[in-house]
Every structure is written in C-alpha cells, then in structure tokens.
C-alpha cells in the first residue's frame, strides 16, 4: 500500500501528520513525475505534435469523466453517494493534474535541452 505511513517512520522521529502526509505525497508523486519526463522526452525525440498528444489525453479523460458522471448516485446509503462522488472528483482532478504535469515536464525537458545546446 503506497499510503502506509510505516514506510516514512524512519524519517520522522515525532508524530507529525502534516509532515508525514507531505512525505507520502512526495513518495507517490516522484514516480509519476519521472514517467511524465520520460514521456515528454520520447515525444520530443520522435518529433510528435504535443498538442495532438494532449488532445488525446483530454479525449480519454473526458470519456472517463462522463462514465463516472453517469455512475454518480443521489440515493442510497451515504457511503454509496460519497463513493460515487469521490470517484468522479478523483477522475476530474486526475485529468487536470496530468495536464499540468505534462506542461511542467515539457518545460523541464526544454530547459535541459537548452542548457546542453548552450554548453556545446
């Protein structure tokens, strides 16, 4: 489980939920960020159009959002209602987060290539 706080107990001597939550968030975001960097680098090497890739990402995210929107419940137990709303909000947040991450990765890759060109 990625959200298990026992993996970060060696870094925190005193129980501090905000620090531990931040470390867990960093632990989860580092592999995602590395994947987006590799993805942006491959797109740049292949000279693919980034706008096309982003449009496909938005298309798939919108299909997934529509699917979860139709699964949102307004009747039943509070657990069912909350779970369906949580799934929809997570999908919407993920699509926004991926878009921001791709733009940030593109910026990091462009800075890295510009420094290599200027040093040569």
C-alpha atoms as a PDB file:
ATOM      1  CA  UNK A   1       0.000   0.000   0.000  1.00  0.00           C
ATOM      2  CA  UNK A   2       1.523   3.320  -1.066  1.00  0.00           C
ATOM      3  CA  UNK A   3      -0.269   5.236   1.678  1.00  0.00           C
ATOM      4  CA  UNK A   4       1.194   3.176   4.531  1.00  0.00           C
ATOM      5  CA  UNK A   5       2.859   5.625   6.945  1.00  0.00           C
ATOM      6  CA  UNK A   6       5.222   2.970   8.302  1.00  0.00           C
ATOM      7  CA  UNK A   7       7.472   3.486   5.266  1.00  0.00           C
ATOM      8  CA  UNK A   8       8.321   7.037   6.370  1.00  0.00           C
ATOM      9  CA  UNK A   9       8.658   6.497  10.135  1.00  0.00           C
ATOM     10  CA  UNK A  10      12.441   6.337   9.787  1.00  0.00           C
ATOM     11  CA  UNK A  11      12.440   9.951   8.522  1.00  0.00           C
ATOM     12  CA  UNK A  12      10.214  11.396  11.267  1.00  0.00           C
ATOM     13  CA  UNK A  13      11.125  10.972  14.940  1.00  0.00           C
ATOM     14  CA  UNK A  14       7.989  12.619  16.379  1.00  0.00           C
ATOM     15  CA  UNK A  15       4.463  12.015  15.068  1.00  0.00           C
ATOM     16  CA  UNK A  16       3.630  14.936  12.776  1.00  0.00           C
ATOM     17  CA  UNK A  17       0.706  14.184  10.440  1.00  0.00           C
ATOM     18  CA  UNK A  18       1.316  17.132   8.089  1.00  0.00           C
ATOM     19  CA  UNK A  19       4.979  16.312   7.577  1.00  0.00           C
ATOM     20  CA  UNK A  20       4.206  12.617   7.189  1.00  0.00           C
ATOM     21  CA  UNK A  21       1.427  13.407   4.691  1.00  0.00           C
ATOM     22  CA  UNK A  22       3.777  15.614   2.698  1.00  0.00           C
ATOM     23  CA  UNK A  23       6.432  12.904   2.598  1.00  0.00           C
ATOM     24  CA  UNK A  24       3.856  10.345   1.470  1.00  0.00           C
ATOM     25  CA  UNK A  25       2.690  12.713  -1.248  1.00  0.00           C
ATOM     26  CA  UNK A  26       6.262  13.212  -2.453  1.00  0.00           C
ATOM     27  CA  UNK A  27       6.798   9.442  -2.382  1.00  0.00           C
ATOM     28  CA  UNK A  28       3.786   8.958  -4.651  1.00  0.00           C
ATOM     29  CA  UNK A  29       4.466  11.897  -6.991  1.00  0.00           C
ATOM     30  CA  UNK A  30       8.122  11.152  -7.787  1.00  0.00           C
ATOM     31  CA  UNK A  31       7.435   8.055  -9.969  1.00  0.00           C
ATOM     32  CA  UNK A  32       4.560   9.840 -11.726  1.00  0.00           C
ATOM     33  CA  UNK A  33       6.778  12.846 -12.436  1.00  0.00           C
ATOM     34  CA  UNK A  34       9.596  10.622 -13.714  1.00  0.00           C
ATOM     35  CA  UNK A  35       7.163   8.871 -16.042  1.00  0.00           C
ATOM     36  CA  UNK A  36       5.925  12.195 -17.402  1.00  0.00           C
ATOM     37  CA  UNK A  37       9.512  13.341 -18.000  1.00  0.00           C
ATOM     38  CA  UNK A  38      10.293  10.193 -19.961  1.00  0.00           C
ATOM     39  CA  UNK A  39       7.028  10.565 -21.867  1.00  0.00           C
ATOM     40  CA  UNK A  40       7.761  14.201 -22.789  1.00  0.00           C
ATOM     41  CA  UNK A  41      11.299  13.256 -23.814  1.00  0.00           C
ATOM     42  CA  UNK A  42      10.073  10.443 -26.086  1.00  0.00           C
ATOM     43  CA  UNK A  43       7.527  12.773 -27.666  1.00  0.00           C
ATOM     44  CA  UNK A  44      10.254  15.347 -28.286  1.00  0.00           C
ATOM     45  CA  UNK A  45      12.697  12.776 -29.712  1.00  0.00           C
ATOM     46  CA  UNK A  46      10.045  11.421 -32.108  1.00  0.00           C
ATOM     47  CA  UNK A  47       9.086  14.990 -33.036  1.00  0.00           C
ATOM     48  CA  UNK A  48       5.450  14.223 -32.333  1.00  0.00           C
ATOM     49  CA  UNK A  49       2.968  17.026 -32.003  1.00  0.00           C
ATOM     50  CA  UNK A  50       2.445  17.663 -28.290  1.00  0.00           C
ATOM     51  CA  UNK A  51      -0.931  19.286 -28.977  1.00  0.00           C
ATOM     52  CA  UNK A  52      -2.161  16.039 -30.541  1.00  0.00           C
ATOM     53  CA  UNK A  53      -0.963  14.022 -27.560  1.00  0.00           C
ATOM     54  CA  UNK A  54      -2.629  16.451 -25.141  1.00  0.00           C
ATOM     55  CA  UNK A  55      -5.857  16.325 -27.151  1.00  0.00           C
ATOM     56  CA  UNK A  56      -5.879  12.528 -26.956  1.00  0.00           C
ATOM     57  CA  UNK A  57      -5.266  12.730 -23.214  1.00  0.00           C
ATOM     58  CA  UNK A  58      -8.204  15.123 -22.845  1.00  0.00           C
ATOM     59  CA  UNK A  59     -10.393  12.898 -25.000  1.00  0.00           C
ATOM     60  CA  UNK A  60      -9.732   9.813 -22.875  1.00  0.00           C
ATOM     61  CA  UNK A  61     -10.101  11.816 -19.665  1.00  0.00           C
ATOM     62  CA  UNK A  62     -13.428  13.217 -20.850  1.00  0.00           C
ATOM     63  CA  UNK A  63     -14.726   9.748 -21.704  1.00  0.00           C
ATOM     64  CA  UNK A  64     -13.710   8.534 -18.271  1.00  0.00           C
ATOM     65  CA  UNK A  65     -15.298  11.603 -16.638  1.00  0.00           C
ATOM     66  CA  UNK A  66     -18.568  11.053 -18.497  1.00  0.00           C
ATOM     67  CA  UNK A  67     -18.572   7.402 -17.427  1.00  0.00           C
ATOM     68  CA  UNK A  68     -18.096   8.265 -13.760  1.00  0.00           C
ATOM     69  CA  UNK A  69     -20.565  11.160 -14.008  1.00  0.00           C
ATOM     70  CA  UNK A  70     -23.266   8.688 -15.015  1.00  0.00           C
ATOM     71  CA  UNK A  71     -22.329   6.459 -12.067  1.00  0.00           C
ATOM     72  CA  UNK A  72     -22.884   9.260  -9.516  1.00  0.00           C
ATOM     73  CA  UNK A  73     -25.730   8.314  -7.192  1.00  0.00           C
ATOM     74  CA  UNK A  74     -28.122  10.616  -5.385  1.00  0.00           C
ATOM     75  CA  UNK A  75     -29.980   7.920  -3.489  1.00  0.00           C
ATOM     76  CA  UNK A  76     -28.994   5.017  -1.293  1.00  0.00           C
ATOM     77  CA  UNK A  77     -26.647   4.974   1.633  1.00  0.00           C
ATOM     78  CA  UNK A  78     -24.323   7.858   2.401  1.00  0.00           C
ATOM     79  CA  UNK A  79     -21.378   5.568   1.697  1.00  0.00           C
ATOM     80  CA  UNK A  80     -22.596   4.843  -1.849  1.00  0.00           C
ATOM     81  CA  UNK A  81     -23.282   8.518  -2.538  1.00  0.00           C
ATOM     82  CA  UNK A  82     -19.906   9.591  -1.150  1.00  0.00           C
ATOM     83  CA  UNK A  83     -18.006   6.879  -3.005  1.00  0.00           C
ATOM     84  CA  UNK A  84     -19.600   7.732  -6.337  1.00  0.00           C
ATOM     85  CA  UNK A  85     -18.907  11.449  -5.868  1.00  0.00           C
ATOM     86  CA  UNK A  86     -15.339  10.734  -4.758  1.00  0.00           C
ATOM     87  CA  UNK A  87     -14.663   8.639  -7.858  1.00  0.00           C
ATOM     88  CA  UNK A  88     -15.976  11.402 -10.121  1.00  0.00           C
ATOM     89  CA  UNK A  89     -13.957  14.123  -8.381  1.00  0.00           C
ATOM     90  CA  UNK A  90     -10.789  11.999  -8.449  1.00  0.00           C
ATOM     91  CA  UNK A  91     -11.152  11.454 -12.209  1.00  0.00           C
ATOM     92  CA  UNK A  92     -11.666  15.178 -12.806  1.00  0.00           C
ATOM     93  CA  UNK A  93      -8.664  16.036 -10.635  1.00  0.00           C
ATOM     94  CA  UNK A  94      -6.506  13.427 -12.333  1.00  0.00           C
ATOM     95  CA  UNK A  95      -7.161  14.853 -15.789  1.00  0.00           C
ATOM     96  CA  UNK A  96      -6.267  18.342 -14.571  1.00  0.00           C
ATOM     97  CA  UNK A  97      -3.188  17.053 -12.735  1.00  0.00           C
ATOM     98  CA  UNK A  98      -1.941  15.137 -15.792  1.00  0.00           C
ATOM     99  CA  UNK A  99      -2.294  18.215 -17.988  1.00  0.00           C
ATOM    100  CA  UNK A 100      -0.294  20.324 -15.530  1.00  0.00           C
ATOM    101  CA  UNK A 101       2.299  17.574 -15.189  1.00  0.00           C
ATOM    102  CA  UNK A 102       2.776  17.255 -18.956  1.00  0.00           C
ATOM    103  CA  UNK A 103       3.287  21.011 -19.314  1.00  0.00           C
ATOM    104  CA  UNK A 104       5.765  21.017 -16.417  1.00  0.00           C
ATOM    105  CA  UNK A 105       7.633  18.047 -17.914  1.00  0.00           C
ATOM    106  CA  UNK A 106       7.786  19.773 -21.279  1.00  0.00           C
ATOM    107  CA  UNK A 107       9.220  22.858 -19.571  1.00  0.00           C
ATOM    108  CA  UNK A 108      11.868  20.807 -17.728  1.00  0.00           C
ATOM    109  CA  UNK A 109      12.850  18.938 -20.908  1.00  0.00           C
ATOM    110  CA  UNK A 110      13.129  22.203 -22.883  1.00  0.00           C
ATOM    111  CA  UNK A 111      15.315  23.765 -20.169  1.00  0.00           C
ATOM    112  CA  UNK A 112      17.513  20.650 -20.083  1.00  0.00           C
ATOM    113  CA  UNK A 113      17.975  20.629 -23.866  1.00  0.00           C
ATOM    114  CA  UNK A 114      18.629  24.384 -23.978  1.00  0.00           C
ATOM    115  CA  UNK A 115      21.402  24.104 -21.371  1.00  0.00           C
ATOM    116  CA  UNK A 116      23.018  21.205 -23.280  1.00  0.00           C
ATOM    117  CA  UNK A 117      22.931  23.163 -26.543  1.00  0.00           C
ATOM    118  CA  UNK A 118      24.410  26.285 -24.928  1.00  0.00           C
ATOM    119  CA  UNK A 119      27.205  24.279 -23.267  1.00  0.00           C
ATOM    120  CA  UNK A 120      28.253  22.680 -26.586  1.00  0.00           C
END
